[in-house]
PDB file of N, CA and C in Angstrom:
ATOM      1  N   MET A   1      74.982 -55.559 203.337  1.00  0.00           N
ATOM      2  CA  MET A   1      76.173 -54.797 202.913  1.00  0.00           C
ATOM      3  C   MET A   1      75.560 -53.050 203.557  1.00  0.00           C
ATOM      4  N   GLY A   2      74.011 -52.944 203.711  1.00  0.00           N
ATOM      5  CA  GLY A   2      73.892 -51.998 204.170  1.00  0.00           C
ATOM      6  C   GLY A   2      74.255 -50.954 203.746  1.00  0.00           C
ATOM      7  N   LYS A   3      74.367 -50.503 202.300  1.00  0.00           N
ATOM      8  CA  LYS A   3      74.646 -49.574 201.315  1.00  0.00           C
ATOM      9  C   LYS A   3      73.606 -49.419 200.651  1.00  0.00           C
ATOM     10  N   GLN A   4      73.461 -47.383 199.594  1.00  0.00           N
ATOM     11  CA  GLN A   4      72.771 -47.201 199.433  1.00  0.00           C
ATOM     12  C   GLN A   4      73.028 -47.683 197.569  1.00  0.00           C
ATOM     13  N   ALA A   5      73.627 -48.282 197.157  1.00  0.00           N
ATOM     14  CA  ALA A   5      74.143 -48.294 195.849  1.00  0.00           C
ATOM     15  C   ALA A   5      75.385 -48.747 195.869  1.00  0.00           C
ATOM     16  N   VAL A   6      75.648 -49.747 194.392  1.00  0.00           N
ATOM     17  CA  VAL A   6      76.531 -50.379 194.437  1.00  0.00           C
ATOM     18  C   VAL A   6      76.931 -50.488 192.846  1.00  0.00           C
ATOM     19  N   GLY A   7      78.641 -50.223 192.371  1.00  0.00           N
ATOM     20  CA  GLY A   7      78.129 -49.491 191.195  1.00  0.00           C
ATOM     21  C   GLY A   7      78.852 -50.706 190.476  1.00  0.00           C
ATOM     22  N   LEU A   8      79.494 -50.695 189.047  1.00  0.00           N
ATOM     23  CA  LEU A   8      80.262 -52.073 188.706  1.00  0.00           C
ATOM     24  C   LEU A   8      81.127 -51.437 187.934  1.00  0.00           C
ATOM     25  N   LEU A   9      82.215 -52.023 187.389  1.00  0.00           N
ATOM     26  CA  LEU A   9      83.091 -51.325 186.611  1.00  0.00           C
ATOM     27  C   LEU A   9      83.808 -52.421 185.548  1.00  0.00           C
ATOM     28  N   GLU A  10      83.464 -52.870 184.285  1.00  0.00           N
ATOM     29  CA  GLU A  10      83.944 -53.559 183.861  1.00  0.00           C
ATOM     30  C   GLU A  10      84.683 -53.359 182.852  1.00  0.00           C
ATOM     31  N   THR A  11      86.250 -53.883 182.042  1.00  0.00           N
ATOM     32  CA  THR A  11      86.851 -53.256 181.720  1.00  0.00           C
ATOM     33  C   THR A  11      87.760 -54.957 181.196  1.00  0.00           C
ATOM     34  N   ARG A  12      87.959 -54.717 179.448  1.00  0.00           N
ATOM     35  CA  ARG A  12      89.042 -55.511 178.939  1.00  0.00           C
ATOM     36  C   ARG A  12      90.604 -55.466 178.848  1.00  0.00           C
ATOM     37  N   GLY A  13      91.304 -55.573 180.109  1.00  0.00           N
ATOM     38  CA  GLY A  13      92.695 -55.555 180.408  1.00  0.00           C
ATOM     39  C   GLY A  13      92.719 -54.639 182.187  1.00  0.00           C
ATOM     40  N   LEU A  14      93.553 -55.099 182.893  1.00  0.00           N
ATOM     41  CA  LEU A  14      93.963 -54.699 184.195  1.00  0.00           C
ATOM     42  C   LEU A  14      94.089 -53.587 184.285  1.00  0.00           C
ATOM     43  N   CYS A  15      95.420 -53.121 183.367  1.00  0.00           N
ATOM     44  CA  CYS A  15      95.570 -51.131 184.006  1.00  0.00           C
ATOM     45  C   CYS A  15      94.350 -50.471 183.102  1.00  0.00           C
ATOM     46  N   CYS A  16      93.852 -50.834 182.513  1.00  0.00           N
ATOM     47  CA  CYS A  16      92.765 -49.251 182.963  1.00  0.00           C
ATOM     48  C   CYS A  16      91.468 -49.712 183.538  1.00  0.00           C
ATOM     49  N   LEU A  17      91.348 -50.843 184.110  1.00  0.00           N
ATOM     50  CA  LEU A  17      90.808 -51.223 185.325  1.00  0.00           C
ATOM     51  C   LEU A  17      91.205 -50.947 186.427  1.00  0.00           C
ATOM     52  N   VAL A  18      93.013 -50.470 187.379  1.00  0.00           N
ATOM     53  CA  VAL A  18      92.984 -50.343 187.682  1.00  0.00           C
ATOM     54  C   VAL A  18      92.884 -48.373 188.343  1.00  0.00           C
ATOM     55  N   SER A  19      93.387 -47.987 186.996  1.00  0.00           N
ATOM     56  CA  SER A  19      93.823 -46.744 186.792  1.00  0.00           C
ATOM     57  C   SER A  19      92.068 -46.051 186.922  1.00  0.00           C
ATOM     58  N   GLY A  20      91.441 -47.087 186.268  1.00  0.00           N
ATOM     59  CA  GLY A  20      89.833 -46.738 186.560  1.00  0.00           C
ATOM     60  C   GLY A  20      89.322 -46.321 188.118  1.00  0.00           C
ATOM     61  N   VAL A  21      89.580 -47.426 188.617  1.00  0.00           N
ATOM     62  CA  VAL A  21      89.466 -47.735 190.279  1.00  0.00           C
ATOM     63  C   VAL A  21      90.098 -46.660 191.651  1.00  0.00           C
ATOM     64  N   ASP A  22      91.082 -45.804 190.538  1.00  0.00           N
ATOM     65  CA  ASP A  22      91.938 -44.718 191.232  1.00  0.00           C
ATOM     66  C   ASP A  22      91.090 -43.828 191.130  1.00  0.00           C
ATOM     67  N   ALA A  23      90.822 -43.411 190.264  1.00  0.00           N
ATOM     68  CA  ALA A  23      90.232 -42.134 189.439  1.00  0.00           C
ATOM     69  C   ALA A  23      88.978 -42.489 190.310  1.00  0.00           C
ATOM     70  N   ALA A  24      88.061 -43.617 190.218  1.00  0.00           N
ATOM     71  CA  ALA A  24      86.713 -43.443 191.300  1.00  0.00           C
ATOM     72  C   ALA A  24      86.520 -43.646 192.791  1.00  0.00           C
ATOM     73  N   LEU A  25      87.992 -43.869 192.978  1.00  0.00           N
ATOM     74  CA  LEU A  25      87.941 -43.830 194.661  1.00  0.00           C
ATOM     75  C   LEU A  25      88.284 -42.318 195.145  1.00  0.00           C
ATOM     76  N   LYS A  26      88.916 -42.267 194.175  1.00  0.00           N
ATOM     77  CA  LYS A  26      89.588 -40.139 194.300  1.00  0.00           C
ATOM     78  C   LYS A  26      87.730 -39.618 194.124  1.00  0.00           C
ATOM     79  N   ALA A  27      87.280 -39.845 193.494  1.00  0.00           N
ATOM     80  CA  ALA A  27      86.500 -38.838 192.858  1.00  0.00           C
ATOM     81  C   ALA A  27      84.830 -38.302 194.229  1.00  0.00           C
ATOM     82  N   ALA A  28      85.312 -39.616 194.947  1.00  0.00           N
ATOM     83  CA  ALA A  28      83.570 -39.605 195.794  1.00  0.00           C
ATOM     84  C   ALA A  28      83.807 -40.332 197.233  1.00  0.00           C
ATOM     85  N   SER A  29      83.064 -40.286 197.547  1.00  0.00           N
ATOM     86  CA  SER A  29      83.426 -40.765 199.078  1.00  0.00           C
ATOM     87  C   SER A  29      82.665 -42.541 198.896  1.00  0.00           C
ATOM     88  N   VAL A  30      83.323 -43.071 198.166  1.00  0.00           N
ATOM     89  CA  VAL A  30      83.077 -44.693 197.798  1.00  0.00           C
ATOM     90  C   VAL A  30      83.856 -45.334 198.299  1.00  0.00           C
ATOM     91  N   GLU A  31      83.678 -47.009 199.001  1.00  0.00           N
ATOM     92  CA  GLU A  31      84.651 -47.398 198.948  1.00  0.00           C
ATOM     93  C   GLU A  31      84.248 -49.095 198.039  1.00  0.00           C
ATOM     94  N   LEU A  32      85.639 -49.665 198.156  1.00  0.00           N
ATOM     95  CA  LEU A  32      86.209 -50.784 196.740  1.00  0.00           C
ATOM     96  C   LEU A  32      85.236 -51.835 197.463  1.00  0.00           C
ATOM     97  N   THR A  33      84.791 -52.715 196.816  1.00  0.00           N
ATOM     98  CA  THR A  33      83.919 -53.693 197.814  1.00  0.00           C
ATOM     99  C   THR A  33      84.868 -55.209 197.170  1.00  0.00           C
ATOM    100  N   GLY A  34      85.946 -55.422 198.268  1.00  0.00           N
ATOM    101  CA  GLY A  34      86.177 -57.053 197.684  1.00  0.00           C
ATOM    102  C   GLY A  34      87.810 -56.425 197.077  1.00  0.00           C
ATOM    103  N   PRO A  35      87.997 -57.477 196.107  1.00  0.00           N
ATOM    104  CA  PRO A  35      89.441 -57.435 195.669  1.00  0.00           C
ATOM    105  C   PRO A  35      88.647 -57.513 193.542  1.00  0.00           C
ATOM    106  N   MET A  36      89.807 -56.475 193.094  1.00  0.00           N
ATOM    107  CA  MET A  36      89.240 -56.362 192.053  1.00  0.00           C
ATOM    108  C   MET A  36      89.385 -57.801 191.122  1.00  0.00           C
ATOM    109  N   ARG A  37      88.541 -58.389 190.433  1.00  0.00           N
ATOM    110  CA  ARG A  37      88.735 -59.665 189.950  1.00  0.00           C
ATOM    111  C   ARG A  37      88.461 -59.920 188.629  1.00  0.00           C
ATOM    112  N   SER A  38      89.226 -61.123 187.652  1.00  0.00           N
ATOM    113  CA  SER A  38      90.222 -61.184 186.018  1.00  0.00           C
ATOM    114  C   SER A  38      89.018 -62.542 186.041  1.00  0.00           C
ATOM    115  N   ILE A  39      88.196 -61.386 185.085  1.00  0.00           N
ATOM    116  CA  ILE A  39      86.615 -63.404 184.580  1.00  0.00           C
ATOM    117  C   ILE A  39      87.219 -63.594 183.564  1.00  0.00           C
ATOM    118  N   GLY A  40      88.095 -63.663 183.160  1.00  0.00           N
ATOM    119  CA  GLY A  40      88.437 -64.239 181.570  1.00  0.00           C
ATOM    120  C   GLY A  40      88.526 -63.754 180.226  1.00  0.00           C
ATOM    121  N   SER A  41      89.108 -63.841 179.345  1.00  0.00           N
ATOM    122  CA  SER A  41      89.604 -63.332 178.348  1.00  0.00           C
ATOM    123  C   SER A  41      89.960 -62.103 178.296  1.00  0.00           C
ATOM    124  N   GLY A  42      89.909 -61.768 179.365  1.00  0.00           N
ATOM    125  CA  GLY A  42      91.210 -60.520 179.165  1.00  0.00           C
ATOM    126  C   GLY A  42      89.543 -59.402 180.401  1.00  0.00           C
ATOM    127  N   LEU A  43      88.487 -59.353 180.512  1.00  0.00           N
ATOM    128  CA  LEU A  43      88.027 -58.916 180.927  1.00  0.00           C
ATOM    129  C   LEU A  43      87.787 -59.215 182.858  1.00  0.00           C
ATOM    130  N   CYS A  44      87.365 -57.942 183.327  1.00  0.00           N
ATOM    131  CA  CYS A  44      87.900 -57.614 184.810  1.00  0.00           C
ATOM    132  C   CYS A  44      87.497 -56.916 184.930  1.00  0.00           C
ATOM    133  N   ASN A  45      86.699 -57.104 186.419  1.00  0.00           N
ATOM    134  CA  ASN A  45      85.758 -55.721 186.710  1.00  0.00           C
ATOM    135  C   ASN A  45      85.559 -55.683 188.283  1.00  0.00           C
ATOM    136  N   ALA A  46      85.484 -55.027 188.788  1.00  0.00           N
ATOM    137  CA  ALA A  46      85.570 -53.996 190.775  1.00  0.00           C
ATOM    138  C   ALA A  46      84.310 -53.255 190.712  1.00  0.00           C
ATOM    139  N   VAL A  47      83.837 -53.778 192.075  1.00  0.00           N
ATOM    140  CA  VAL A  47      83.152 -53.046 192.304  1.00  0.00           C
ATOM    141  C   VAL A  47      83.222 -52.411 193.726  1.00  0.00           C
ATOM    142  N   VAL A  48      82.476 -51.188 193.398  1.00  0.00           N
ATOM    143  CA  VAL A  48      82.357 -49.918 194.810  1.00  0.00           C
ATOM    144  C   VAL A  48      80.734 -49.590 195.354  1.00  0.00           C
ATOM    145  N   THR A  49      80.986 -49.743 196.848  1.00  0.00           N
ATOM    146  CA  THR A  49      79.805 -49.320 197.734  1.00  0.00           C
ATOM    147  C   THR A  49      79.753 -47.779 198.206  1.00  0.00           C
ATOM    148  N   GLY A  50      78.681 -47.356 198.192  1.00  0.00           N
ATOM    149  CA  GLY A  50      78.131 -46.033 198.904  1.00  0.00           C
ATOM    150  C   GLY A  50      76.838 -45.473 198.768  1.00  0.00           C
ATOM    151  N   ASP A  51      76.559 -44.101 198.899  1.00  0.00           N
ATOM    152  CA  ASP A  51      75.026 -43.904 198.550  1.00  0.00           C
ATOM    153  C   ASP A  51      75.022 -43.374 197.007  1.00  0.00           C
ATOM    154  N   VAL A  52      73.924 -42.792 196.221  1.00  0.00           N
ATOM    155  CA  VAL A  52      73.620 -43.363 195.127  1.00  0.00           C
ATOM    156  C   VAL A  52      74.556 -41.994 194.298  1.00  0.00           C
ATOM    157  N   ALA A  53      74.593 -41.492 194.925  1.00  0.00           N
ATOM    158  CA  ALA A  53      75.058 -39.844 194.628  1.00  0.00           C
ATOM    159  C   ALA A  53      76.557 -40.135 193.753  1.00  0.00           C
ATOM    160  N   ALA A  54      76.814 -40.908 195.230  1.00  0.00           N
ATOM    161  CA  ALA A  54      78.554 -40.704 195.274  1.00  0.00           C
ATOM    162  C   ALA A  54      79.184 -41.920 194.063  1.00  0.00           C
ATOM    163  N   VAL A  55      78.488 -42.766 193.993  1.00  0.00           N
ATOM    164  CA  VAL A  55      78.238 -44.273 193.440  1.00  0.00           C
ATOM    165  C   VAL A  55      78.199 -43.760 192.166  1.00  0.00           C
ATOM    166  N   LYS A  56      77.591 -42.702 191.350  1.00  0.00           N
ATOM    167  CA  LYS A  56      77.553 -42.602 190.448  1.00  0.00           C
ATOM    168  C   LYS A  56      78.256 -41.438 189.692  1.00  0.00           C
ATOM    169  N   ALA A  57      78.879 -41.066 190.440  1.00  0.00           N
ATOM    170  CA  ALA A  57      79.745 -40.013 190.430  1.00  0.00           C
ATOM    171  C   ALA A  57      81.063 -40.856 190.027  1.00  0.00           C
ATOM    172  N   ALA A  58      81.416 -41.778 191.028  1.00  0.00           N
ATOM    173  CA  ALA A  58      82.583 -42.591 190.928  1.00  0.00           C
ATOM    174  C   ALA A  58      83.023 -43.108 189.253  1.00  0.00           C
ATOM    175  N   ILE A  59      81.595 -44.345 189.730  1.00  0.00           N
ATOM    176  CA  ILE A  59      81.721 -45.043 188.748  1.00  0.00           C
ATOM    177  C   ILE A  59      82.102 -43.836 187.386  1.00  0.00           C
ATOM    178  N   ASP A  60      81.132 -42.884 186.670  1.00  0.00           N
ATOM    179  CA  ASP A  60      80.825 -42.091 185.828  1.00  0.00           C
ATOM    180  C   ASP A  60      82.666 -41.787 185.424  1.00  0.00           C
ATOM    181  N   ALA A  61      83.333 -40.471 186.615  1.00  0.00           N
ATOM    182  CA  ALA A  61      84.621 -40.659 187.137  1.00  0.00           C
ATOM    183  C   ALA A  61      85.793 -42.163 186.300  1.00  0.00           C
ATOM    184  N   GLY A  62      85.865 -42.937 186.949  1.00  0.00           N
ATOM    185  CA  GLY A  62      86.308 -44.665 186.188  1.00  0.00           C
ATOM    186  C   GLY A  62      86.384 -45.114 185.197  1.00  0.00           C
ATOM    187  N   ALA A  63      85.199 -44.878 185.145  1.00  0.00           N
ATOM    188  CA  ALA A  63      84.927 -44.854 183.364  1.00  0.00           C
ATOM    189  C   ALA A  63      85.291 -44.253 182.601  1.00  0.00           C
ATOM    190  N   ASP A  64      85.937 -42.751 182.705  1.00  0.00           N
ATOM    191  CA  ASP A  64      86.040 -41.987 181.679  1.00  0.00           C
ATOM    192  C   ASP A  64      87.370 -42.168 181.910  1.00  0.00           C
ATOM    193  N   THR A  65      88.173 -42.852 183.418  1.00  0.00           N
ATOM    194  CA  THR A  65      89.391 -42.888 182.984  1.00  0.00           C
ATOM    195  C   THR A  65      89.632 -43.641 182.310  1.00  0.00           C
ATOM    196  N   ALA A  66      89.126 -44.496 182.701  1.00  0.00           N
ATOM    197  CA  ALA A  66      89.572 -46.201 182.169  1.00  0.00           C
ATOM    198  C   ALA A  66      89.488 -45.768 180.866  1.00  0.00           C
ATOM    199  N   ALA A  67      88.535 -45.456 179.996  1.00  0.00           N
ATOM    200  CA  ALA A  67      88.513 -46.183 178.809  1.00  0.00           C
ATOM    201  C   ALA A  67      89.218 -44.416 177.655  1.00  0.00           C
ATOM    202  N   SER A  68      89.695 -43.652 178.321  1.00  0.00           N
ATOM    203  CA  SER A  68      91.237 -43.503 177.928  1.00  0.00           C
ATOM    204  C   SER A  68      91.819 -44.195 177.666  1.00  0.00           C
ATOM    205  N   LEU A  69      91.789 -45.219 178.774  1.00  0.00           N
ATOM    206  CA  LEU A  69      93.075 -45.950 178.877  1.00  0.00           C
ATOM    207  C   LEU A  69      93.395 -47.805 177.767  1.00  0.00           C
ATOM    208  N   GLY A  70      91.674 -47.557 177.841  1.00  0.00           N
ATOM    209  CA  GLY A  70      91.659 -49.448 177.220  1.00  0.00           C
ATOM    210  C   GLY A  70      90.191 -49.078 176.949  1.00  0.00           C
ATOM    211  N   GLU A  71      89.499 -50.296 177.113  1.00  0.00           N
ATOM    212  CA  GLU A  71      87.969 -50.751 176.308  1.00  0.00           C
ATOM    213  C   GLU A  71      87.393 -51.273 177.599  1.00  0.00           C
ATOM    214  N   VAL A  72      86.650 -49.641 178.021  1.00  0.00           N
ATOM    215  CA  VAL A  72      85.584 -50.006 178.864  1.00  0.00           C
ATOM    216  C   VAL A  72      84.097 -51.145 178.469  1.00  0.00           C
ATOM    217  N   VAL A  73      83.861 -52.065 179.396  1.00  0.00           N
ATOM    218  CA  VAL A  73      82.994 -52.961 178.699  1.00  0.00           C
ATOM    219  C   VAL A  73      82.007 -52.618 178.919  1.00  0.00           C
ATOM    220  N   THR A  74      81.447 -52.437 180.673  1.00  0.00           N
ATOM    221  CA  THR A  74      80.568 -52.227 181.297  1.00  0.00           C
ATOM    222  C   THR A  74      80.071 -51.402 182.504  1.00  0.00           C
ATOM    223  N   ALA A  75      79.778 -50.381 183.002  1.00  0.00           N
ATOM    224  CA  ALA A  75      79.925 -49.226 184.151  1.00  0.00           C
ATOM    225  C   ALA A  75      78.232 -49.081 184.464  1.00  0.00           C
ATOM    226  N   HIS A  76      77.993 -49.103 185.568  1.00  0.00           N
ATOM    227  CA  HIS A  76      76.880 -49.509 185.951  1.00  0.00           C
ATOM    228  C   HIS A  76      76.698 -49.134 187.470  1.00  0.00           C
ATOM    229  N   VAL A  77      75.251 -49.122 187.295  1.00  0.00           N
ATOM    230  CA  VAL A  77      74.952 -48.202 189.013  1.00  0.00           C
ATOM    231  C   VAL A  77      73.605 -48.686 189.554  1.00  0.00           C
ATOM    232  N   ILE A  78      73.775 -49.830 190.194  1.00  0.00           N
ATOM    233  CA  ILE A  78      72.857 -50.673 190.724  1.00  0.00           C
ATOM    234  C   ILE A  78      72.203 -49.231 192.315  1.00  0.00           C
ATOM    235  N   ALA A  79      70.908 -48.635 192.185  1.00  0.00           N
ATOM    236  CA  ALA A  79      71.047 -48.469 193.057  1.00  0.00           C
ATOM    237  C   ALA A  79      70.119 -49.519 194.426  1.00  0.00           C
ATOM    238  N   ARG A  80      69.462 -48.791 195.253  1.00  0.00           N
ATOM    239  CA  ARG A  80      68.514 -50.347 196.745  1.00  0.00           C
ATOM    240  C   ARG A  80      69.084 -50.782 196.042  1.00  0.00           C
ATOM    241  N   PRO A  81      70.512 -51.846 196.078  1.00  0.00           N
ATOM    242  CA  PRO A  81      70.188 -53.267 195.412  1.00  0.00           C
ATOM    243  C   PRO A  81      70.112 -54.464 196.931  1.00  0.00           C
ATOM    244  N   ASP A  82      69.659 -55.543 195.915  1.00  0.00           N
ATOM    245  CA  ASP A  82      68.162 -56.467 196.890  1.00  0.00           C
ATOM    246  C   ASP A  82      69.578 -57.054 197.926  1.00  0.00           C
ATOM    247  N   GLU A  83      68.635 -57.317 199.222  1.00  0.00           N
ATOM    248  CA  GLU A  83      70.458 -57.763 200.160  1.00  0.00           C
ATOM    249  C   GLU A  83      70.545 -59.322 199.517  1.00  0.00           C
ATOM    250  N   ALA A  84      69.707 -59.869 198.503  1.00  0.00           N
ATOM    251  CA  ALA A  84      70.420 -61.534 197.906  1.00  0.00           C
ATOM    252  C   ALA A  84      71.074 -61.918 197.023  1.00  0.00           C
ATOM    253  N   ILE A  85      72.255 -59.793 196.454  1.00  0.00           N
ATOM    254  CA  ILE A  85      73.285 -60.099 196.236  1.00  0.00           C
ATOM    255  C   ILE A  85      73.809 -59.720 196.104  1.00  0.00           C
ATOM    256  N   ASP A  86      74.485 -59.541 197.299  1.00  0.00           N
ATOM    257  CA  ASP A  86      75.300 -59.634 198.276  1.00  0.00           C
ATOM    258  C   ASP A  86      75.863 -60.637 198.265  1.00  0.00           C
ATOM    259  N   PRO A  87      76.213 -61.940 198.538  1.00  0.00           N
ATOM    260  CA  PRO A  87      76.898 -63.198 198.128  1.00  0.00           C
ATOM    261  C   PRO A  87      77.381 -62.368 197.021  1.00  0.00           C
ATOM    262  N   VAL A  88      76.838 -62.408 196.002  1.00  0.00           N
ATOM    263  CA  VAL A  88      77.133 -62.324 194.186  1.00  0.00           C
ATOM    264  C   VAL A  88      78.942 -61.379 194.012  1.00  0.00           C
ATOM    265  N   ILE A  89      77.750 -59.929 195.435  1.00  0.00           N
ATOM    266  CA  ILE A  89      79.029 -58.450 194.779  1.00  0.00           C
ATOM    267  C   ILE A  89      80.050 -59.544 195.580  1.00  0.00           C
ATOM    268  N   VAL A  90      80.357 -59.333 196.678  1.00  0.00           N
ATOM    269  CA  VAL A  90      80.828 -59.036 198.128  1.00  0.00           C
ATOM    270  C   VAL A  90      82.175 -60.677 197.730  1.00  0.00           C
ATOM    271  N   GLY A  91      81.004 -61.738 196.829  1.00  0.00           N
ATOM    272  CA  GLY A  91      82.027 -63.396 196.933  1.00  0.00           C
ATOM    273  C   GLY A  91      82.058 -64.043 198.763  1.00  0.00           C
ATOM    274  N   GLU A  92      80.991 -63.492 199.011  1.00  0.00           N
ATOM    275  CA  GLU A  92      80.177 -64.488 200.321  1.00  0.00           C
ATOM    276  C   GLU A  92      79.678 -65.737 200.009  1.00  0.00           C
ATOM    277  N   LYS A  93      79.912 -66.637 201.226  1.00  0.00           N
ATOM    278  CA  LYS A  93      79.069 -67.922 200.540  1.00  0.00           C
ATOM    279  C   LYS A  93      77.438 -67.449 202.016  1.00  0.00           C
ATOM    280  N   PRO A  94      76.195 -67.197 201.086  1.00  0.00           N
ATOM    281  CA  PRO A  94      75.671 -67.534 201.858  1.00  0.00           C
ATOM    282  C   PRO A  94      75.343 -68.654 202.866  1.00  0.00           C
ATOM    283  N   ALA A  95      74.434 -67.935 203.474  1.00  0.00           N
ATOM    284  CA  ALA A  95      74.694 -68.604 205.450  1.00  0.00           C
ATOM    285  C   ALA A  95      73.555 -70.148 205.479  1.00  0.00           C
ATOM    286  N   PRO A  96      74.155 -70.940 206.103  1.00  0.00           N
ATOM    287  CA  PRO A  96      73.910 -72.018 205.750  1.00  0.00           C
ATOM    288  C   PRO A  96      72.127 -71.879 206.281  1.00  0.00           C
ATOM    289  N   LYS A  97      71.532 -72.479 205.617  1.00  0.00           N
ATOM    290  CA  LYS A  97      70.101 -72.213 206.893  1.00  0.00           C
ATOM    291  C   LYS A  97      69.485 -73.102 207.516  1.00  0.00           C
ATOM    292  N   SER A  98      68.698 -72.970 208.707  1.00  0.00           N
ATOM    293  CA  SER A  98      68.635 -73.822 209.678  1.00  0.00           C
ATOM    294  C   SER A  98      67.382 -74.605 209.541  1.00  0.00           C
ATOM    295  N   LYS A  99      67.483 -75.136 210.235  1.00  0.00           N
ATOM    296  CA  LYS A  99      66.501 -76.973 209.628  1.00  0.00           C
ATOM    297  C   LYS A  99      65.189 -76.499 211.263  1.00  0.00           C
TER     298      LYS A  99
END
């Protein structure tokens, strides 16, 4: 991934997530990593990446906007994530192990 931080925004309902992600992307220099996902039971999440300060600012702005429209379940920033979480966050399949 090569990013310094990962930010996760999870909401109940797609409308508030889309608005929250829009605010997050406009608030700081971060990238949306992969598609916004529907988890089930109305839960949706999105992941942004960038440097730690930018991701923190983006997630704070996104959570505030999403909360004004619906329910924010969680908003979290992981600084310096281990490379092992890349497949989970980005949705990539792990590379096959060589024999």
